[in-house]
């Protein structure tokens, strides 16, 4: 006979909900909950309302040992940000997210963009970022500014 607990525990391959600890940028635990991977979202269930991040708006994601992390884009309900979760199932979460993103992309037709909206057939419009200045909150958070021909005159 086997252990009575072994039949109750699902393997990581079949599991879609994982116990996680949310970490801040200094690796301190700021909350606990369950992270669910669905076909289209990552959902964090904790004491508060569930937080949903659409997979199509994740910029990057990855894992390392017992840490799963991702970068949410500006179209996510939480806005831009990097989220890190301590869990024994980091690799399993990564593999599920990766598989669901690939499946989601393969379901789109050539006439749809990443949001599932029909494309117009026109080339995308390029938007130039605004020039950085010393008072810009963006330049302050990105660290030292690069010296280029354009901003050398200002120094």
N, C-alpha and C. Protein backbone atom coordinates (compact mmCIF):
# COMPACT_ATOMS: atom_id res chain seq x y z
N UNK A 1 0.83 -1.18 0.00
CA UNK A 1 0.00 0.00 0.00
C UNK A 1 0.87 1.24 0.00
N UNK A 2 0.36 2.28 -0.63
CA UNK A 2 1.09 3.54 -0.69
C UNK A 2 0.65 4.48 0.41
N UNK A 3 1.23 5.60 0.41
CA UNK A 3 0.87 6.63 1.37
C UNK A 3 -0.53 7.16 1.06
N UNK A 4 -1.31 7.40 2.07
CA UNK A 4 -2.68 7.89 1.84
C UNK A 4 -2.71 9.28 1.25
N UNK A 5 -1.64 10.06 1.43
CA UNK A 5 -1.60 11.40 0.87
C UNK A 5 -1.22 11.41 -0.60
N UNK A 6 -0.57 10.36 -1.07
CA UNK A 6 -0.08 10.38 -2.45
C UNK A 6 -1.22 10.39 -3.46
N UNK A 7 -2.35 9.78 -3.15
CA UNK A 7 -3.47 9.78 -4.08
C UNK A 7 -4.15 11.13 -4.14
N UNK A 8 -4.07 11.91 -3.05
CA UNK A 8 -4.74 13.20 -3.01
C UNK A 8 -3.95 14.28 -3.74
N UNK A 9 -2.67 14.17 -3.77
CA UNK A 9 -1.83 15.21 -4.36
C UNK A 9 -1.74 15.03 -5.88
N UNK A 10 -2.12 16.07 -6.61
CA UNK A 10 -2.00 16.04 -8.06
C UNK A 10 -0.56 16.30 -8.44
N UNK A 11 -0.14 15.77 -9.57
CA UNK A 11 1.20 16.08 -10.04
C UNK A 11 1.19 17.50 -10.61
N UNK A 12 2.37 18.13 -10.66
CA UNK A 12 2.47 19.49 -11.20
C UNK A 12 2.01 19.56 -12.65
N UNK A 13 2.12 18.47 -13.39
CA UNK A 13 1.74 18.48 -14.80
C UNK A 13 0.24 18.70 -14.98
N UNK A 14 -0.58 18.22 -14.04
CA UNK A 14 -2.02 18.36 -14.15
C UNK A 14 -2.57 19.53 -13.34
N UNK A 15 -1.77 20.07 -12.48
CA UNK A 15 -2.20 21.14 -11.59
C UNK A 15 -2.20 22.47 -12.32
N UNK A 16 -3.19 23.31 -12.03
CA UNK A 16 -3.26 24.63 -12.64
C UNK A 16 -3.33 25.73 -11.58
N UNK A 17 -3.36 25.33 -10.32
CA UNK A 17 -3.40 26.28 -9.21
C UNK A 17 -2.29 25.93 -8.23
N UNK A 18 -1.50 26.94 -7.86
CA UNK A 18 -0.29 26.70 -7.08
C UNK A 18 -0.21 27.65 -5.89
N UNK A 19 0.25 27.14 -4.76
CA UNK A 19 0.48 27.98 -3.58
C UNK A 19 1.72 28.83 -3.84
N UNK A 20 1.61 30.15 -3.62
CA UNK A 20 2.72 31.06 -3.88
C UNK A 20 2.84 32.08 -2.75
N UNK A 21 4.03 32.65 -2.64
CA UNK A 21 4.28 33.78 -1.75
C UNK A 21 4.75 34.93 -2.63
N UNK A 22 4.05 36.06 -2.55
CA UNK A 22 4.41 37.23 -3.34
C UNK A 22 5.58 37.93 -2.68
N UNK A 23 6.61 38.23 -3.45
CA UNK A 23 7.82 38.85 -2.93
C UNK A 23 7.97 40.27 -3.45
N UNK A 24 8.54 41.14 -2.63
CA UNK A 24 8.86 42.49 -3.11
C UNK A 24 10.25 42.48 -3.73
N UNK A 25 10.74 43.66 -4.13
CA UNK A 25 12.02 43.72 -4.82
C UNK A 25 13.22 43.42 -3.93
N UNK A 26 13.00 43.29 -2.62
CA UNK A 26 14.07 42.89 -1.70
C UNK A 26 13.86 41.47 -1.19
N UNK A 27 13.04 40.69 -1.90
CA UNK A 27 12.75 39.29 -1.59
C UNK A 27 12.08 39.09 -0.23
N UNK A 28 11.32 40.08 0.22
CA UNK A 28 10.53 39.93 1.44
C UNK A 28 9.12 39.50 1.06
N UNK A 29 8.55 38.60 1.82
CA UNK A 29 7.19 38.13 1.55
C UNK A 29 6.21 39.26 1.89
N UNK A 30 5.37 39.62 0.91
CA UNK A 30 4.37 40.67 1.12
C UNK A 30 2.95 40.11 1.11
N UNK A 31 2.82 38.83 0.79
CA UNK A 31 1.51 38.20 0.79
C UNK A 31 1.59 36.76 0.32
N UNK A 32 0.54 36.02 0.62
CA UNK A 32 0.45 34.62 0.19
C UNK A 32 -0.86 34.41 -0.52
N UNK A 33 -0.91 33.37 -1.31
CA UNK A 33 -2.14 33.05 -2.00
C UNK A 33 -1.94 31.89 -2.95
N UNK A 34 -2.87 31.79 -3.90
CA UNK A 34 -2.79 30.75 -4.92
C UNK A 34 -2.77 31.43 -6.28
N UNK A 35 -1.87 30.98 -7.13
CA UNK A 35 -1.75 31.49 -8.48
C UNK A 35 -2.30 30.44 -9.43
N UNK A 36 -3.31 30.82 -10.19
CA UNK A 36 -3.93 29.90 -11.15
C UNK A 36 -3.53 30.30 -12.55
N UNK A 37 -3.21 29.30 -13.36
CA UNK A 37 -2.89 29.53 -14.77
C UNK A 37 -4.07 29.01 -15.59
N UNK A 38 -4.74 29.93 -16.30
CA UNK A 38 -5.84 29.53 -17.17
C UNK A 38 -5.38 29.66 -18.62
N UNK A 39 -6.25 29.37 -19.54
CA UNK A 39 -5.90 29.48 -20.96
C UNK A 39 -5.54 30.91 -21.35
N UNK A 40 -6.10 31.88 -20.64
CA UNK A 40 -5.90 33.27 -21.05
C UNK A 40 -5.39 34.20 -19.96
N UNK A 41 -5.31 33.75 -18.71
CA UNK A 41 -4.92 34.64 -17.61
C UNK A 41 -4.04 33.94 -16.57
N UNK A 42 -3.32 34.76 -15.82
CA UNK A 42 -2.75 34.38 -14.53
C UNK A 42 -3.67 35.03 -13.51
N UNK A 43 -4.12 34.28 -12.52
CA UNK A 43 -5.03 34.82 -11.52
C UNK A 43 -4.46 34.55 -10.14
N UNK A 44 -4.30 35.61 -9.36
CA UNK A 44 -3.81 35.49 -7.99
C UNK A 44 -4.99 35.60 -7.03
N UNK A 45 -5.21 34.54 -6.26
CA UNK A 45 -6.25 34.52 -5.24
C UNK A 45 -5.57 34.72 -3.89
N UNK A 46 -5.97 35.77 -3.18
CA UNK A 46 -5.44 36.01 -1.85
C UNK A 46 -6.60 36.48 -0.97
N UNK A 47 -6.31 37.19 0.09
CA UNK A 47 -7.37 37.68 0.98
C UNK A 47 -8.30 38.65 0.25
N UNK A 48 -7.75 39.43 -0.65
CA UNK A 48 -8.53 40.42 -1.39
C UNK A 48 -9.16 39.81 -2.63
N UNK A 49 -9.75 40.66 -3.45
CA UNK A 49 -10.32 40.20 -4.71
C UNK A 49 -9.22 39.59 -5.57
N UNK A 50 -9.57 38.62 -6.41
CA UNK A 50 -8.57 38.03 -7.30
C UNK A 50 -8.00 39.09 -8.25
N UNK A 51 -6.72 38.95 -8.55
CA UNK A 51 -6.06 39.84 -9.50
C UNK A 51 -5.80 39.03 -10.76
N UNK A 52 -6.21 39.56 -11.91
CA UNK A 52 -6.05 38.85 -13.19
C UNK A 52 -5.06 39.60 -14.08
N UNK A 53 -4.14 38.84 -14.64
CA UNK A 53 -3.22 39.37 -15.64
C UNK A 53 -3.44 38.60 -16.94
N UNK A 54 -3.93 39.24 -17.99
CA UNK A 54 -4.09 38.54 -19.27
C UNK A 54 -2.73 38.10 -19.80
N UNK A 55 -2.64 36.85 -20.23
CA UNK A 55 -1.37 36.33 -20.74
C UNK A 55 -0.87 37.12 -21.94
N UNK A 56 -1.81 37.63 -22.75
CA UNK A 56 -1.40 38.34 -23.96
C UNK A 56 -0.71 39.66 -23.64
N UNK A 57 -0.82 40.16 -22.41
CA UNK A 57 -0.18 41.42 -22.04
C UNK A 57 1.07 41.23 -21.18
N UNK A 58 1.52 39.99 -21.01
CA UNK A 58 2.77 39.76 -20.28
C UNK A 58 3.93 40.02 -21.23
N UNK A 59 4.87 40.82 -20.78
CA UNK A 59 6.03 41.14 -21.61
C UNK A 59 7.10 40.05 -21.52
N UNK A 60 7.37 39.61 -20.30
CA UNK A 60 8.38 38.58 -20.06
C UNK A 60 7.92 37.72 -18.91
N UNK A 61 8.43 36.51 -18.85
CA UNK A 61 8.14 35.63 -17.73
C UNK A 61 9.26 34.61 -17.66
N UNK A 62 9.48 34.06 -16.46
CA UNK A 62 10.55 33.09 -16.31
C UNK A 62 10.56 32.50 -14.91
N UNK A 63 11.49 31.60 -14.70
CA UNK A 63 11.61 30.97 -13.39
C UNK A 63 13.08 30.70 -13.10
N UNK A 64 13.36 30.55 -11.81
CA UNK A 64 14.71 30.23 -11.35
C UNK A 64 14.56 29.55 -10.00
N UNK A 65 14.95 28.30 -9.90
CA UNK A 65 14.80 27.51 -8.68
C UNK A 65 13.36 27.58 -8.16
N UNK A 66 13.14 28.26 -7.05
CA UNK A 66 11.82 28.35 -6.45
C UNK A 66 11.18 29.72 -6.65
N UNK A 67 11.45 30.35 -7.79
CA UNK A 67 10.93 31.69 -8.05
C UNK A 67 10.34 31.76 -9.46
N UNK A 68 9.07 32.15 -9.56
CA UNK A 68 8.44 32.43 -10.85
C UNK A 68 8.19 33.93 -10.89
N UNK A 69 8.55 34.57 -12.00
CA UNK A 69 8.33 36.01 -12.11
C UNK A 69 7.86 36.36 -13.51
N UNK A 70 7.20 37.51 -13.61
CA UNK A 70 6.76 38.00 -14.91
C UNK A 70 6.68 39.52 -14.88
N UNK A 71 6.73 40.10 -16.07
CA UNK A 71 6.57 41.54 -16.22
C UNK A 71 5.23 41.79 -16.88
N UNK A 72 4.37 42.51 -16.19
CA UNK A 72 3.05 42.86 -16.73
C UNK A 72 3.19 44.14 -17.55
N UNK A 73 2.46 44.18 -18.65
CA UNK A 73 2.46 45.36 -19.50
C UNK A 73 1.46 46.40 -19.03
N UNK A 74 1.46 47.53 -19.68
CA UNK A 74 0.59 48.65 -19.25
C UNK A 74 -0.89 48.37 -19.44
N UNK A 75 -1.24 47.42 -20.30
CA UNK A 75 -2.65 47.10 -20.52
C UNK A 75 -3.22 46.14 -19.48
N UNK A 76 -2.39 45.64 -18.60
CA UNK A 76 -2.88 44.79 -17.51
C UNK A 76 -3.66 45.65 -16.52
N UNK A 77 -4.65 45.08 -15.85
CA UNK A 77 -5.43 45.86 -14.86
C UNK A 77 -4.56 46.49 -13.77
N UNK A 78 -3.44 45.88 -13.45
CA UNK A 78 -2.54 46.42 -12.42
C UNK A 78 -1.58 47.46 -12.99
N UNK A 79 -1.54 47.58 -14.31
CA UNK A 79 -0.55 48.44 -14.94
C UNK A 79 0.78 47.72 -15.06
N UNK A 80 1.80 48.48 -15.44
CA UNK A 80 3.13 47.89 -15.61
C UNK A 80 3.71 47.48 -14.27
N UNK A 81 4.50 46.43 -14.29
CA UNK A 81 5.18 46.03 -13.07
C UNK A 81 5.79 44.65 -13.20
N UNK A 82 6.73 44.37 -12.32
CA UNK A 82 7.37 43.06 -12.26
C UNK A 82 6.88 42.38 -10.99
N UNK A 83 6.41 41.17 -11.14
CA UNK A 83 5.85 40.41 -10.03
C UNK A 83 6.67 39.13 -9.85
N UNK A 84 6.99 38.82 -8.59
CA UNK A 84 7.79 37.63 -8.27
C UNK A 84 7.06 36.82 -7.21
N UNK A 85 7.08 35.50 -7.41
CA UNK A 85 6.40 34.59 -6.50
C UNK A 85 7.32 33.44 -6.12
N UNK A 86 7.46 33.22 -4.84
CA UNK A 86 8.22 32.09 -4.35
C UNK A 86 7.30 30.88 -4.31
N UNK A 87 7.73 29.78 -4.93
CA UNK A 87 6.92 28.57 -4.98
C UNK A 87 7.79 27.38 -5.36
N UNK A 88 7.42 26.21 -4.89
CA UNK A 88 8.13 24.99 -5.28
C UNK A 88 7.80 24.60 -6.71
N UNK A 89 6.74 25.17 -7.25
CA UNK A 89 6.26 24.79 -8.59
C UNK A 89 6.59 25.83 -9.66
N UNK A 90 7.68 26.56 -9.48
CA UNK A 90 8.03 27.63 -10.42
C UNK A 90 8.15 27.12 -11.86
N UNK A 91 8.82 26.00 -12.04
CA UNK A 91 9.00 25.47 -13.39
C UNK A 91 7.66 25.03 -13.99
N UNK A 92 6.80 24.42 -13.20
CA UNK A 92 5.49 23.97 -13.69
C UNK A 92 4.63 25.16 -14.11
N UNK A 93 4.66 26.24 -13.33
CA UNK A 93 3.91 27.45 -13.69
C UNK A 93 4.45 28.00 -15.00
N UNK A 94 5.78 28.09 -15.10
CA UNK A 94 6.41 28.58 -16.32
C UNK A 94 5.96 27.77 -17.54
N UNK A 95 6.00 26.47 -17.44
CA UNK A 95 5.64 25.61 -18.57
C UNK A 95 4.17 25.78 -18.97
N UNK A 96 3.29 25.92 -17.99
CA UNK A 96 1.88 26.14 -18.29
C UNK A 96 1.66 27.49 -18.98
N UNK A 97 2.28 28.53 -18.45
CA UNK A 97 2.16 29.86 -19.06
C UNK A 97 2.68 29.83 -20.49
N UNK A 98 3.84 29.24 -20.66
CA UNK A 98 4.44 29.15 -21.99
C UNK A 98 3.53 28.40 -22.97
N UNK A 99 2.99 27.27 -22.54
CA UNK A 99 2.12 26.48 -23.40
C UNK A 99 0.83 27.24 -23.73
N UNK A 100 0.25 27.91 -22.75
CA UNK A 100 -0.98 28.65 -22.99
C UNK A 100 -0.77 29.86 -23.88
N UNK A 101 0.37 30.52 -23.76
CA UNK A 101 0.66 31.65 -24.64
C UNK A 101 0.86 31.15 -26.07
N UNK A 102 1.59 30.07 -26.23
CA UNK A 102 1.78 29.51 -27.59
C UNK A 102 0.46 29.06 -28.20
N UNK A 103 -0.38 28.41 -27.40
CA UNK A 103 -1.67 27.96 -27.90
C UNK A 103 -2.54 29.15 -28.28
N UNK A 104 -2.52 30.17 -27.45
CA UNK A 104 -3.30 31.38 -27.73
C UNK A 104 -2.86 32.06 -29.00
N UNK A 105 -1.56 32.10 -29.24
CA UNK A 105 -1.05 32.72 -30.47
C UNK A 105 -1.40 31.90 -31.69
N UNK A 106 -1.39 30.58 -31.55
CA UNK A 106 -1.69 29.75 -32.71
C UNK A 106 -3.17 29.78 -33.06
N UNK A 107 -4.04 30.14 -32.09
CA UNK A 107 -5.47 30.22 -32.36
C UNK A 107 -5.83 31.47 -33.16
N UNK A 108 -5.00 32.53 -33.07
CA UNK A 108 -5.29 33.77 -33.78
C UNK A 108 -5.12 33.56 -35.28
N UNK A 109 -5.92 34.24 -36.01
CA UNK A 109 -5.77 34.18 -37.46
C UNK A 109 -4.83 35.27 -37.91
N UNK A 110 -4.45 35.25 -39.16
CA UNK A 110 -3.55 36.27 -39.70
C UNK A 110 -4.22 37.64 -39.76
N UNK A 111 -5.54 37.68 -39.67
CA UNK A 111 -6.25 38.94 -39.76
C UNK A 111 -6.55 39.54 -38.39
N UNK A 112 -5.91 39.05 -37.34
CA UNK A 112 -6.11 39.58 -36.00
C UNK A 112 -4.79 40.02 -35.41
N UNK A 113 -4.87 41.03 -34.56
CA UNK A 113 -3.66 41.45 -33.85
C UNK A 113 -3.59 40.73 -32.51
N UNK A 114 -2.66 41.14 -31.64
CA UNK A 114 -2.47 40.47 -30.36
C UNK A 114 -3.69 40.59 -29.45
N UNK A 115 -4.54 41.60 -29.67
CA UNK A 115 -5.74 41.77 -28.86
C UNK A 115 -6.92 41.01 -29.43
N UNK A 116 -6.74 40.30 -30.55
CA UNK A 116 -7.83 39.59 -31.18
C UNK A 116 -8.70 40.50 -32.03
N UNK A 117 -8.24 41.74 -32.26
CA UNK A 117 -8.99 42.69 -33.06
C UNK A 117 -8.61 42.55 -34.53
N UNK A 118 -9.56 42.74 -35.44
CA UNK A 118 -9.22 42.67 -36.86
C UNK A 118 -8.21 43.76 -37.22
N UNK A 119 -7.27 43.41 -38.06
CA UNK A 119 -6.29 44.39 -38.51
C UNK A 119 -6.82 45.11 -39.73
N UNK A 120 -6.35 46.31 -39.95
CA UNK A 120 -6.85 47.11 -41.07
C UNK A 120 -6.06 46.87 -42.34
N UNK A 121 -4.95 46.16 -42.24
CA UNK A 121 -4.10 45.98 -43.41
C UNK A 121 -3.10 47.10 -43.57
N UNK A 122 -3.20 48.14 -42.74
CA UNK A 122 -2.26 49.25 -42.79
C UNK A 122 -1.07 48.94 -41.90
N UNK A 123 0.10 49.47 -42.24
CA UNK A 123 1.27 49.22 -41.39
C UNK A 123 1.08 49.91 -40.04
N UNK A 124 1.70 49.36 -38.98
CA UNK A 124 1.57 49.98 -37.67
C UNK A 124 2.20 51.36 -37.63
N UNK A 125 1.64 52.22 -36.80
CA UNK A 125 2.15 53.57 -36.65
C UNK A 125 3.24 53.55 -35.59
N UNK A 126 4.40 54.13 -35.89
CA UNK A 126 5.49 54.21 -34.93
C UNK A 126 5.33 55.47 -34.09
N UNK A 127 5.39 55.32 -32.79
CA UNK A 127 5.28 56.46 -31.89
C UNK A 127 6.63 56.65 -31.24
N UNK A 128 7.19 57.85 -31.38
CA UNK A 128 8.48 58.15 -30.77
C UNK A 128 8.27 58.51 -29.31
N UNK A 129 9.15 58.04 -28.42
CA UNK A 129 9.02 58.42 -27.02
C UNK A 129 9.35 59.89 -26.85
N UNK A 130 8.77 60.53 -25.84
CA UNK A 130 9.09 61.94 -25.61
C UNK A 130 10.54 62.06 -25.18
N UNK A 131 11.17 63.20 -25.48
CA UNK A 131 12.57 63.37 -25.07
C UNK A 131 12.67 63.39 -23.55
N UNK A 132 13.75 62.81 -23.04
CA UNK A 132 13.97 62.79 -21.60
C UNK A 132 14.51 64.12 -21.14
N UNK A 133 14.12 64.52 -19.95
CA UNK A 133 14.72 65.70 -19.34
C UNK A 133 14.99 65.37 -17.87
N UNK A 134 15.65 66.25 -17.20
CA UNK A 134 16.06 65.99 -15.82
C UNK A 134 14.88 65.84 -14.89
N UNK A 135 13.74 66.45 -15.19
CA UNK A 135 12.59 66.37 -14.30
C UNK A 135 11.68 65.21 -14.64
N UNK A 136 11.96 64.50 -15.71
CA UNK A 136 11.12 63.38 -16.12
C UNK A 136 11.23 62.25 -15.11
N UNK A 137 10.08 61.73 -14.62
CA UNK A 137 10.15 60.61 -13.67
C UNK A 137 10.73 59.36 -14.31
N UNK A 138 10.60 59.23 -15.62
CA UNK A 138 11.14 58.06 -16.30
C UNK A 138 12.66 58.08 -16.27
N UNK A 139 13.26 59.22 -16.61
CA UNK A 139 14.72 59.27 -16.63
C UNK A 139 15.29 59.10 -15.22
N UNK A 140 14.55 59.53 -14.21
CA UNK A 140 15.04 59.40 -12.85
C UNK A 140 15.05 57.95 -12.40
N UNK A 141 14.11 57.14 -12.90
CA UNK A 141 14.04 55.76 -12.44
C UNK A 141 14.91 54.82 -13.25
N UNK A 142 15.31 55.22 -14.44
CA UNK A 142 16.08 54.32 -15.28
C UNK A 142 17.57 54.39 -15.04
N UNK A 143 18.00 55.24 -14.14
CA UNK A 143 19.41 55.30 -13.82
C UNK A 143 20.14 56.34 -14.65
N UNK A 144 21.47 56.21 -14.78
CA UNK A 144 22.24 57.22 -15.48
C UNK A 144 21.81 57.33 -16.94
N UNK A 145 21.77 58.57 -17.41
CA UNK A 145 21.36 58.81 -18.80
C UNK A 145 22.55 58.59 -19.72
N UNK A 146 22.25 58.09 -20.90
CA UNK A 146 23.29 57.92 -21.90
C UNK A 146 23.55 59.26 -22.57
N UNK A 147 24.80 59.54 -22.83
CA UNK A 147 25.14 60.76 -23.54
C UNK A 147 25.11 60.47 -25.03
N UNK A 148 24.28 61.18 -25.72
CA UNK A 148 24.19 61.03 -27.17
C UNK A 148 24.43 62.39 -27.80
N UNK A 149 24.58 62.40 -29.11
CA UNK A 149 24.78 63.67 -29.82
C UNK A 149 23.62 64.63 -29.54
N UNK A 150 22.41 64.09 -29.44
CA UNK A 150 21.23 64.94 -29.27
C UNK A 150 21.21 65.63 -27.91
N UNK A 151 21.60 64.94 -26.86
CA UNK A 151 21.51 65.59 -25.54
C UNK A 151 22.85 66.07 -25.01
N UNK A 152 23.91 65.93 -25.79
CA UNK A 152 25.23 66.39 -25.34
C UNK A 152 25.25 67.91 -25.14
N UNK A 153 24.50 68.65 -25.99
CA UNK A 153 24.47 70.10 -25.89
C UNK A 153 23.86 70.55 -24.57
N UNK A 154 22.97 69.74 -24.02
CA UNK A 154 22.28 70.11 -22.79
C UNK A 154 23.14 69.93 -21.55
N UNK A 155 24.21 69.16 -21.65
CA UNK A 155 25.01 68.87 -20.45
C UNK A 155 25.95 69.97 -20.08
